PDB file of N, CA and C in Angstrom:
ATOM      1  N   UNK A   1      66.019 163.834  69.225  1.00  0.00           N
ATOM      2  CA  UNK A   1      66.878 165.076  69.073  1.00  0.00           C
ATOM      3  C   UNK A   1      65.995 166.195  69.694  1.00  0.00           C
ATOM      4  N   UNK A   2      65.099 165.948  70.584  1.00  0.00           N
ATOM      5  CA  UNK A   2      64.336 167.123  71.156  1.00  0.00           C
ATOM      6  C   UNK A   2      65.234 167.984  71.841  1.00  0.00           C
ATOM      7  N   UNK A   3      66.320 167.523  72.529  1.00  0.00           N
ATOM      8  CA  UNK A   3      67.218 168.461  73.364  1.00  0.00           C
ATOM      9  C   UNK A   3      67.879 169.356  72.524  1.00  0.00           C
ATOM     10  N   UNK A   4      68.328 168.951  71.128  1.00  0.00           N
ATOM     11  CA  UNK A   4      68.938 169.815  70.283  1.00  0.00           C
ATOM     12  C   UNK A   4      67.948 171.098  69.911  1.00  0.00           C
ATOM     13  N   UNK A   5      66.624 170.545  69.560  1.00  0.00           N
ATOM     14  CA  UNK A   5      65.721 171.726  69.115  1.00  0.00           C
ATOM     15  C   UNK A   5      65.337 172.544  70.249  1.00  0.00           C
ATOM     16  N   UNK A   6      65.294 172.119  71.515  1.00  0.00           N
ATOM     17  CA  UNK A   6      64.987 172.891  72.779  1.00  0.00           C
ATOM     18  C   UNK A   6      66.193 173.927  72.719  1.00  0.00           C
ATOM     19  N   UNK A   7      67.384 173.370  72.786  1.00  0.00           N
ATOM     20  CA  UNK A   7      68.505 174.338  72.950  1.00  0.00           C
ATOM     21  C   UNK A   7      68.599 175.428  71.916  1.00  0.00           C
ATOM     22  N   UNK A   8      68.355 174.958  70.517  1.00  0.00           N
ATOM     23  CA  UNK A   8      68.396 176.095  69.403  1.00  0.00           C
ATOM     24  C   UNK A   8      67.264 176.989  69.689  1.00  0.00           C
ATOM     25  N   UNK A   9      66.114 176.465  70.172  1.00  0.00           N
ATOM     26  CA  UNK A   9      64.872 177.458  70.327  1.00  0.00           C
ATOM     27  C   UNK A   9      65.221 178.463  71.558  1.00  0.00           C
ATOM     28  N   UNK A  10      65.760 177.939  72.535  1.00  0.00           N
ATOM     29  CA  UNK A  10      66.142 178.982  73.583  1.00  0.00           C
ATOM     30  C   UNK A  10      67.285 179.731  73.185  1.00  0.00           C
ATOM     31  N   UNK A  11      68.287 179.457  72.384  1.00  0.00           N
ATOM     32  CA  UNK A  11      69.448 180.160  72.191  1.00  0.00           C
ATOM     33  C   UNK A  11      68.844 181.214  70.990  1.00  0.00           C
ATOM     34  N   UNK A  12      68.107 180.871  70.161  1.00  0.00           N
ATOM     35  CA  UNK A  12      67.579 181.889  69.038  1.00  0.00           C
ATOM     36  C   UNK A  12      66.520 182.940  69.618  1.00  0.00           C
ATOM     37  N   UNK A  13      65.586 182.448  70.269  1.00  0.00           N
ATOM     38  CA  UNK A  13      64.480 183.213  70.833  1.00  0.00           C
ATOM     39  C   UNK A  13      64.623 183.850  72.146  1.00  0.00           C
ATOM     40  N   UNK A  14      65.231 183.223  73.091  1.00  0.00           N
ATOM     41  CA  UNK A  14      65.419 183.796  74.406  1.00  0.00           C
ATOM     42  C   UNK A  14      66.852 183.909  74.928  1.00  0.00           C
ATOM     43  N   UNK A  15      67.676 184.135  74.169  1.00  0.00           N
ATOM     44  CA  UNK A  15      69.145 184.295  74.633  1.00  0.00           C
ATOM     45  C   UNK A  15      69.155 185.637  75.438  1.00  0.00           C
ATOM     46  N   UNK A  16      68.728 186.707  74.966  1.00  0.00           N
ATOM     47  CA  UNK A  16      68.812 188.093  75.770  1.00  0.00           C
ATOM     48  C   UNK A  16      68.088 187.917  77.080  1.00  0.00           C
ATOM     49  N   UNK A  17      66.937 187.118  77.147  1.00  0.00           N
ATOM     50  CA  UNK A  17      66.271 186.943  78.365  1.00  0.00           C
ATOM     51  C   UNK A  17      67.043 186.165  79.396  1.00  0.00           C
ATOM     52  N   UNK A  18      67.705 185.118  78.956  1.00  0.00           N
ATOM     53  CA  UNK A  18      68.447 184.269  79.754  1.00  0.00           C
ATOM     54  C   UNK A  18      69.606 184.990  80.417  1.00  0.00           C
ATOM     55  N   UNK A  19      70.310 185.728  79.546  1.00  0.00           N
ATOM     56  CA  UNK A  19      71.505 186.549  79.990  1.00  0.00           C
ATOM     57  C   UNK A  19      70.957 187.747  81.019  1.00  0.00           C
ATOM     58  N   UNK A  20      69.812 188.357  80.642  1.00  0.00           N
ATOM     59  CA  UNK A  20      69.275 189.306  81.626  1.00  0.00           C
ATOM     60  C   UNK A  20      68.972 188.676  83.049  1.00  0.00           C
ATOM     61  N   UNK A  21      68.349 187.515  83.009  1.00  0.00           N
ATOM     62  CA  UNK A  21      67.977 186.895  84.212  1.00  0.00           C
ATOM     63  C   UNK A  21      69.173 186.435  84.989  1.00  0.00           C
ATOM     64  N   UNK A  22      70.259 186.064  84.430  1.00  0.00           N
ATOM     65  CA  UNK A  22      71.435 185.567  85.140  1.00  0.00           C
ATOM     66  C   UNK A  22      72.102 186.932  85.655  1.00  0.00           C
ATOM     67  N   UNK A  23      72.320 187.927  84.886  1.00  0.00           N
ATOM     68  CA  UNK A  23      72.811 189.201  85.397  1.00  0.00           C
ATOM     69  C   UNK A  23      71.981 189.844  86.550  1.00  0.00           C
ATOM     70  N   UNK A  24      70.567 189.816  86.344  1.00  0.00           N
ATOM     71  CA  UNK A  24      69.720 190.461  87.373  1.00  0.00           C
ATOM     72  C   UNK A  24      69.788 189.671  88.659  1.00  0.00           C
ATOM     73  N   UNK A  25      69.725 188.461  88.719  1.00  0.00           N
ATOM     74  CA  UNK A  25      69.889 187.696  89.856  1.00  0.00           C
ATOM     75  C   UNK A  25      71.261 187.792  90.581  1.00  0.00           C
ATOM     76  N   UNK A  26      72.235 187.824  89.720  1.00  0.00           N
ATOM     77  CA  UNK A  26      73.676 188.033  90.223  1.00  0.00           C
ATOM     78  C   UNK A  26      73.730 189.320  90.838  1.00  0.00           C
ATOM     79  N   UNK A  27      73.158 190.463  90.245  1.00  0.00           N
ATOM     80  CA  UNK A  27      73.318 191.809  90.957  1.00  0.00           C
ATOM     81  C   UNK A  27      72.393 191.850  92.158  1.00  0.00           C
ATOM     82  N   UNK A  28      71.217 191.448  92.027  1.00  0.00           N
ATOM     83  CA  UNK A  28      70.243 191.425  93.332  1.00  0.00           C
ATOM     84  C   UNK A  28      71.046 190.703  94.473  1.00  0.00           C
ATOM     85  N   UNK A  29      71.584 189.416  94.219  1.00  0.00           N
ATOM     86  CA  UNK A  29      72.197 188.687  95.398  1.00  0.00           C
ATOM     87  C   UNK A  29      73.397 189.534  95.820  1.00  0.00           C
ATOM     88  N   UNK A  30      74.259 190.034  94.895  1.00  0.00           N
ATOM     89  CA  UNK A  30      75.442 190.789  95.357  1.00  0.00           C
ATOM     90  C   UNK A  30      75.022 192.016  96.278  1.00  0.00           C
ATOM     91  N   UNK A  31      73.986 192.650  95.745  1.00  0.00           N
ATOM     92  CA  UNK A  31      73.510 193.860  96.402  1.00  0.00           C
ATOM     93  C   UNK A  31      73.143 193.510  97.886  1.00  0.00           C
ATOM     94  N   UNK A  32      72.296 192.479  97.938  1.00  0.00           N
ATOM     95  CA  UNK A  32      71.985 191.997  99.248  1.00  0.00           C
ATOM     96  C   UNK A  32      73.078 191.601 100.205  1.00  0.00           C
ATOM     97  N   UNK A  33      74.027 190.855  99.523  1.00  0.00           N
ATOM     98  CA  UNK A  33      75.171 190.372 100.287  1.00  0.00           C
ATOM     99  C   UNK A  33      75.889 191.599 100.758  1.00  0.00           C
ATOM    100  N   UNK A  34      76.148 192.742 100.034  1.00  0.00           N
ATOM    101  CA  UNK A  34      76.788 193.848 100.381  1.00  0.00           C
ATOM    102  C   UNK A  34      75.968 194.598 101.556  1.00  0.00           C
ATOM    103  N   UNK A  35      74.777 194.772 101.428  1.00  0.00           N
ATOM    104  CA  UNK A  35      73.989 195.412 102.244  1.00  0.00           C
ATOM    105  C   UNK A  35      74.027 194.679 103.655  1.00  0.00           C
ATOM    106  N   UNK A  36      74.074 193.546 103.825  1.00  0.00           N
ATOM    107  CA  UNK A  36      74.070 192.832 104.918  1.00  0.00           C
ATOM    108  C   UNK A  36      75.436 192.719 105.440  1.00  0.00           C
ATOM    109  N   UNK A  37      76.528 192.829 104.648  1.00  0.00           N
ATOM    110  CA  UNK A  37      77.847 192.728 104.994  1.00  0.00           C
ATOM    111  C   UNK A  37      78.401 191.266 104.983  1.00  0.00           C
ATOM    112  N   UNK A  38      77.994 190.527 104.064  1.00  0.00           N
ATOM    113  CA  UNK A  38      78.500 189.066 103.971  1.00  0.00           C
ATOM    114  C   UNK A  38      79.527 188.969 102.995  1.00  0.00           C
ATOM    115  N   UNK A  39      79.924 189.852 102.096  1.00  0.00           N
ATOM    116  CA  UNK A  39      80.614 189.604 101.023  1.00  0.00           C
ATOM    117  C   UNK A  39      82.039 190.271 101.114  1.00  0.00           C
ATOM    118  N   UNK A  40      83.096 189.624 100.712  1.00  0.00           N
ATOM    119  CA  UNK A  40      84.345 190.252 100.640  1.00  0.00           C
ATOM    120  C   UNK A  40      84.858 190.372  99.153  1.00  0.00           C
ATOM    121  N   UNK A  41      86.046 190.820  98.927  1.00  0.00           N
ATOM    122  CA  UNK A  41      86.530 191.018  97.543  1.00  0.00           C
ATOM    123  C   UNK A  41      86.736 189.673  96.928  1.00  0.00           C
ATOM    124  N   UNK A  42      87.178 188.660  97.651  1.00  0.00           N
ATOM    125  CA  UNK A  42      87.506 187.377  97.004  1.00  0.00           C
ATOM    126  C   UNK A  42      86.253 186.592  96.390  1.00  0.00           C
ATOM    127  N   UNK A  43      85.219 186.673  97.301  1.00  0.00           N
ATOM    128  CA  UNK A  43      84.020 186.002  97.021  1.00  0.00           C
ATOM    129  C   UNK A  43      83.152 186.863  95.930  1.00  0.00           C
ATOM    130  N   UNK A  44      83.412 188.067  95.959  1.00  0.00           N
ATOM    131  CA  UNK A  44      82.753 188.859  94.732  1.00  0.00           C
ATOM    132  C   UNK A  44      83.452 188.580  93.455  1.00  0.00           C
ATOM    133  N   UNK A  45      84.749 188.424  93.500  1.00  0.00           N
ATOM    134  CA  UNK A  45      85.434 187.918  92.270  1.00  0.00           C
ATOM    135  C   UNK A  45      85.141 186.565  91.961  1.00  0.00           C
ATOM    136  N   UNK A  46      84.877 185.646  92.740  1.00  0.00           N
ATOM    137  CA  UNK A  46      84.310 184.274  92.354  1.00  0.00           C
ATOM    138  C   UNK A  46      83.010 184.350  91.819  1.00  0.00           C
ATOM    139  N   UNK A  47      82.110 185.158  92.347  1.00  0.00           N
ATOM    140  CA  UNK A  47      80.755 185.269  91.710  1.00  0.00           C
ATOM    141  C   UNK A  47      80.849 185.919  90.361  1.00  0.00           C
ATOM    142  N   UNK A  48      81.609 186.981  90.150  1.00  0.00           N
ATOM    143  CA  UNK A  48      81.828 187.446  88.910  1.00  0.00           C
ATOM    144  C   UNK A  48      82.285 186.506  87.936  1.00  0.00           C
ATOM    145  N   UNK A  49      83.294 185.812  88.177  1.00  0.00           N
ATOM    146  CA  UNK A  49      83.789 184.712  87.292  1.00  0.00           C
ATOM    147  C   UNK A  49      82.662 183.497  86.982  1.00  0.00           C
ATOM    148  N   UNK A  50      81.854 183.208  88.067  1.00  0.00           N
ATOM    149  CA  UNK A  50      80.877 182.230  87.775  1.00  0.00           C
ATOM    150  C   UNK A  50      79.954 182.724  86.981  1.00  0.00           C
ATOM    151  N   UNK A  51      79.502 184.071  87.055  1.00  0.00           N
ATOM    152  CA  UNK A  51      78.462 184.542  86.196  1.00  0.00           C
ATOM    153  C   UNK A  51      78.870 184.666  84.874  1.00  0.00           C
ATOM    154  N   UNK A  52      80.133 184.941  84.622  1.00  0.00           N
ATOM    155  CA  UNK A  52      80.831 184.950  83.124  1.00  0.00           C
ATOM    156  C   UNK A  52      80.720 183.665  82.604  1.00  0.00           C
ATOM    157  N   UNK A  53      81.115 182.649  83.453  1.00  0.00           N
ATOM    158  CA  UNK A  53      81.120 181.219  82.894  1.00  0.00           C
ATOM    159  C   UNK A  53      79.754 180.754  82.708  1.00  0.00           C
ATOM    160  N   UNK A  54      78.707 181.062  83.457  1.00  0.00           N
ATOM    161  CA  UNK A  54      77.347 180.776  83.241  1.00  0.00           C
ATOM    162  C   UNK A  54      76.772 181.429  81.963  1.00  0.00           C
ATOM    163  N   UNK A  55      77.012 182.609  81.759  1.00  0.00           N
ATOM    164  CA  UNK A  55      76.613 183.176  80.641  1.00  0.00           C
ATOM    165  C   UNK A  55      77.248 182.682  79.288  1.00  0.00           C
ATOM    166  N   UNK A  56      78.446 182.427  79.551  1.00  0.00           N
ATOM    167  CA  UNK A  56      79.309 181.719  78.221  1.00  0.00           C
ATOM    168  C   UNK A  56      78.735 180.497  77.957  1.00  0.00           C
ATOM    169  N   UNK A  57      78.529 179.676  78.965  1.00  0.00           N
ATOM    170  CA  UNK A  57      77.979 178.355  78.709  1.00  0.00           C
ATOM    171  C   UNK A  57      76.597 178.278  78.007  1.00  0.00           C
ATOM    172  N   UNK A  58      75.775 179.194  78.586  1.00  0.00           N
ATOM    173  CA  UNK A  58      74.366 179.313  77.936  1.00  0.00           C
ATOM    174  C   UNK A  58      74.465 179.813  76.495  1.00  0.00           C
ATOM    175  N   UNK A  59      75.516 180.657  76.142  1.00  0.00           N
ATOM    176  CA  UNK A  59      75.509 181.118  74.834  1.00  0.00           C
ATOM    177  C   UNK A  59      76.341 180.479  73.934  1.00  0.00           C
ATOM    178  N   UNK A  60      76.461 179.184  74.282  1.00  0.00           N
ATOM    179  CA  UNK A  60      77.186 178.162  73.281  1.00  0.00           C
ATOM    180  C   UNK A  60      78.641 178.413  73.159  1.00  0.00           C
ATOM    181  N   UNK A  61      79.290 178.764  74.356  1.00  0.00           N
ATOM    182  CA  UNK A  61      80.820 178.896  74.353  1.00  0.00           C
ATOM    183  C   UNK A  61      81.457 177.531  74.300  1.00  0.00           C
ATOM    184  N   UNK A  62      82.712 177.586  73.936  1.00  0.00           N
ATOM    185  CA  UNK A  62      83.501 176.285  73.767  1.00  0.00           C
ATOM    186  C   UNK A  62      84.393 176.270  74.967  1.00  0.00           C
ATOM    187  N   UNK A  63      84.167 174.992  75.629  1.00  0.00           N
ATOM    188  CA  UNK A  63      84.955 174.602  76.713  1.00  0.00           C
ATOM    189  C   UNK A  63      85.748 173.206  76.210  1.00  0.00           C
ATOM    190  N   UNK A  64      86.764 172.857  77.026  1.00  0.00           N
ATOM    191  CA  UNK A  64      87.557 171.752  76.553  1.00  0.00           C
ATOM    192  C   UNK A  64      86.633 170.603  76.801  1.00  0.00           C
ATOM    193  N   UNK A  65      85.692 170.585  77.766  1.00  0.00           N
ATOM    194  CA  UNK A  65      84.918 169.266  77.985  1.00  0.00           C
ATOM    195  C   UNK A  65      84.022 168.822  76.819  1.00  0.00           C
ATOM    196  N   UNK A  66      83.342 169.952  76.348  1.00  0.00           N
ATOM    197  CA  UNK A  66      82.272 169.741  75.350  1.00  0.00           C
ATOM    198  C   UNK A  66      82.261 170.769  74.307  1.00  0.00           C
ATOM    199  N   UNK A  67      81.923 170.321  73.125  1.00  0.00           N
ATOM    200  CA  UNK A  67      82.042 171.177  72.010  1.00  0.00           C
ATOM    201  C   UNK A  67      80.573 171.715  71.858  1.00  0.00           C
ATOM    202  N   UNK A  68      80.497 172.978  71.147  1.00  0.00           N
ATOM    203  CA  UNK A  68      79.172 173.607  70.987  1.00  0.00           C
ATOM    204  C   UNK A  68      78.127 172.599  70.283  1.00  0.00           C
ATOM    205  N   UNK A  69      76.871 172.698  70.600  1.00  0.00           N
ATOM    206  CA  UNK A  69      75.891 171.977  69.894  1.00  0.00           C
ATOM    207  C   UNK A  69      75.696 172.729  68.421  1.00  0.00           C
ATOM    208  N   UNK A  70      75.841 171.768  67.524  1.00  0.00           N
ATOM    209  CA  UNK A  70      75.567 172.148  66.010  1.00  0.00           C
ATOM    210  C   UNK A  70      74.510 171.136  65.463  1.00  0.00           C
ATOM    211  N   UNK A  71      74.282 171.322  64.213  1.00  0.00           N
ATOM    212  CA  UNK A  71      73.275 170.449  63.615  1.00  0.00           C
ATOM    213  C   UNK A  71      73.678 168.980  63.342  1.00  0.00           C
ATOM    214  N   UNK A  72      75.101 168.871  63.367  1.00  0.00           N
ATOM    215  CA  UNK A  72      75.624 167.487  63.245  1.00  0.00           C
ATOM    216  C   UNK A  72      75.993 166.725  64.602  1.00  0.00           C
ATOM    217  N   UNK A  73      75.602 167.368  65.788  1.00  0.00           N
ATOM    218  CA  UNK A  73      75.899 166.892  67.105  1.00  0.00           C
ATOM    219  C   UNK A  73      75.117 165.506  67.344  1.00  0.00           C
ATOM    220  N   UNK A  74      75.733 164.657  68.008  1.00  0.00           N
ATOM    221  CA  UNK A  74      75.076 163.378  68.193  1.00  0.00           C
ATOM    222  C   UNK A  74      74.396 163.539  69.584  1.00  0.00           C
ATOM    223  N   UNK A  75      73.702 162.480  70.015  1.00  0.00           N
ATOM    224  CA  UNK A  75      73.025 162.472  71.424  1.00  0.00           C
ATOM    225  C   UNK A  75      73.989 162.540  72.455  1.00  0.00           C
ATOM    226  N   UNK A  76      75.090 161.882  72.570  1.00  0.00           N
ATOM    227  CA  UNK A  76      76.075 162.009  73.614  1.00  0.00           C
ATOM    228  C   UNK A  76      76.523 163.386  73.917  1.00  0.00           C
ATOM    229  N   UNK A  77      76.882 164.090  72.728  1.00  0.00           N
ATOM    230  CA  UNK A  77      77.348 165.557  72.904  1.00  0.00           C
ATOM    231  C   UNK A  77      76.362 166.385  73.492  1.00  0.00           C
ATOM    232  N   UNK A  78      75.149 166.210  72.907  1.00  0.00           N
ATOM    233  CA  UNK A  78      74.083 167.149  73.391  1.00  0.00           C
ATOM    234  C   UNK A  78      73.812 166.866  74.770  1.00  0.00           C
ATOM    235  N   UNK A  79      73.689 165.705  75.373  1.00  0.00           N
ATOM    236  CA  UNK A  79      73.416 165.333  76.751  1.00  0.00           C
ATOM    237  C   UNK A  79      74.613 165.909  77.586  1.00  0.00           C
ATOM    238  N   UNK A  80      75.887 165.763  77.206  1.00  0.00           N
ATOM    239  CA  UNK A  80      76.904 166.319  77.968  1.00  0.00           C
ATOM    240  C   UNK A  80      76.891 167.844  77.943  1.00  0.00           C
ATOM    241  N   UNK A  81      76.542 168.360  76.858  1.00  0.00           N
ATOM    242  CA  UNK A  81      76.407 169.835  76.885  1.00  0.00           C
ATOM    243  C   UNK A  81      75.368 170.288  77.939  1.00  0.00           C
ATOM    244  N   UNK A  82      74.138 169.670  77.860  1.00  0.00           N
ATOM    245  CA  UNK A  82      73.010 170.080  78.808  1.00  0.00           C
ATOM    246  C   UNK A  82      73.523 169.902  80.201  1.00  0.00           C
ATOM    247  N   UNK A  83      74.241 168.904  80.499  1.00  0.00           N
ATOM    248  CA  UNK A  83      74.764 168.488  81.812  1.00  0.00           C
ATOM    249  C   UNK A  83      75.723 169.694  82.306  1.00  0.00           C
ATOM    250  N   UNK A  84      76.676 170.107  81.280  1.00  0.00           N
ATOM    251  CA  UNK A  84      77.356 171.286  81.590  1.00  0.00           C
ATOM    252  C   UNK A  84      76.734 172.499  81.930  1.00  0.00           C
ATOM    253  N   UNK A  85      75.729 172.809  81.180  1.00  0.00           N
ATOM    254  CA  UNK A  85      74.903 174.013  81.262  1.00  0.00           C
ATOM    255  C   UNK A  85      74.188 174.028  82.573  1.00  0.00           C
ATOM    256  N   UNK A  86      73.540 173.036  82.951  1.00  0.00           N
ATOM    257  CA  UNK A  86      72.724 172.835  84.277  1.00  0.00           C
ATOM    258  C   UNK A  86      73.758 172.782  85.432  1.00  0.00           C
ATOM    259  N   UNK A  87      74.783 172.136  85.466  1.00  0.00           N
ATOM    260  CA  UNK A  87      75.733 172.122  86.513  1.00  0.00           C
ATOM    261  C   UNK A  87      76.291 173.487  86.776  1.00  0.00           C
ATOM    262  N   UNK A  88      76.713 174.071  85.724  1.00  0.00           N
ATOM    263  CA  UNK A  88      77.195 175.410  85.858  1.00  0.00           C
ATOM    264  C   UNK A  88      76.250 176.353  86.424  1.00  0.00           C
ATOM    265  N   UNK A  89      75.077 176.312  85.835  1.00  0.00           N
ATOM    266  CA  UNK A  89      73.916 177.191  86.488  1.00  0.00           C
ATOM    267  C   UNK A  89      73.543 176.886  87.929  1.00  0.00           C
ATOM    268  N   UNK A  90      73.509 175.795  88.187  1.00  0.00           N
ATOM    269  CA  UNK A  90      73.333 175.317  89.701  1.00  0.00           C
ATOM    270  C   UNK A  90      74.522 175.783  90.623  1.00  0.00           C
ATOM    271  N   UNK A  91      75.652 175.554  90.066  1.00  0.00           N
ATOM    272  CA  UNK A  91      76.810 176.175  90.908  1.00  0.00           C
ATOM    273  C   UNK A  91      76.755 177.610  91.154  1.00  0.00           C
ATOM    274  N   UNK A  92      76.422 178.358  89.902  1.00  0.00           N
ATOM    275  CA  UNK A  92      76.203 179.735  90.099  1.00  0.00           C
ATOM    276  C   UNK A  92      75.142 180.269  91.160  1.00  0.00           C
ATOM    277  N   UNK A  93      74.013 179.437  91.057  1.00  0.00           N
ATOM    278  CA  UNK A  93      73.011 179.883  91.901  1.00  0.00           C
ATOM    279  C   UNK A  93      73.353 179.390  93.473  1.00  0.00           C
ATOM    280  N   UNK A  94      74.131 178.478  93.601  1.00  0.00           N
ATOM    281  CA  UNK A  94      74.763 178.044  95.019  1.00  0.00           C
ATOM    282  C   UNK A  94      75.666 179.121  95.450  1.00  0.00           C
ATOM    283  N   UNK A  95      76.497 179.654  94.683  1.00  0.00           N
ATOM    284  CA  UNK A  95      77.428 180.706  94.982  1.00  0.00           C
ATOM    285  C   UNK A  95      76.479 182.041  95.461  1.00  0.00           C
ATOM    286  N   UNK A  96      75.458 182.190  94.638  1.00  0.00           N
ATOM    287  CA  UNK A  96      74.579 183.468  95.052  1.00  0.00           C
ATOM    288  C   UNK A  96      73.928 183.268  96.424  1.00  0.00           C
ATOM    289  N   UNK A  97      73.503 182.127  96.686  1.00  0.00           N
ATOM    290  CA  UNK A  97      72.643 181.935  98.113  1.00  0.00           C
ATOM    291  C   UNK A  97      73.449 181.372  99.178  1.00  0.00           C
ATOM    292  N   UNK A  98      74.652 180.818  99.030  1.00  0.00           N
ATOM    293  CA  UNK A  98      75.355 180.268 100.011  1.00  0.00           C
ATOM    294  C   UNK A  98      75.696 181.181 101.186  1.00  0.00           C
ATOM    295  N   UNK A  99      76.137 182.426 100.962  1.00  0.00           N
ATOM    296  CA  UNK A  99      76.310 183.355 102.120  1.00  0.00           C
ATOM    297  C   UNK A  99      75.076 183.597 102.860  1.00  0.00           C
ATOM    298  N   UNK A 100      73.912 183.760 102.166  1.00  0.00           N
ATOM    299  CA  UNK A 100      72.746 184.018 102.841  1.00  0.00           C
ATOM    300  C   UNK A 100      72.196 183.018 103.597  1.00  0.00           C
ATOM    301  N   UNK A 101      72.499 181.727 103.316  1.00  0.00           N
ATOM    302  CA  UNK A 101      71.998 180.587 104.170  1.00  0.00           C
ATOM    303  C   UNK A 101      72.892 180.272 105.214  1.00  0.00           C
ATOM    304  N   UNK A 102      74.253 180.644 105.118  1.00  0.00           N
ATOM    305  CA  UNK A 102      75.160 180.408 106.292  1.00  0.00           C
ATOM    306  C   UNK A 102      75.164 181.418 107.412  1.00  0.00           C
ATOM    307  N   UNK A 103      74.423 182.460 107.099  1.00  0.00           N
ATOM    308  CA  UNK A 103      74.339 183.604 108.007  1.00  0.00           C
ATOM    309  C   UNK A 103      73.731 183.047 109.440  1.00  0.00           C
TER     310      UNK A 103
END
């Protein structure tokens, strides 16, 4: 159950840092995209929704696919939760750098 301990440690000790990093990188990427002229209103809206979903997922939000990690969670639920967290985070990072790579 190391994954459960890691998750609770990150959530209890570093929750504000994680949210700050997600918001900081989102704002820096949006600023660069606006400065270069690569962003439009639709893509800005998608980035905003992705940022919200990423923060919501890290802060133990409830989605239909997985339940939040609790003390009584089994291994399958924890692995599914971590997969959702990482896939959502990687998708958000992809949305942030995709316009810069396609230029």
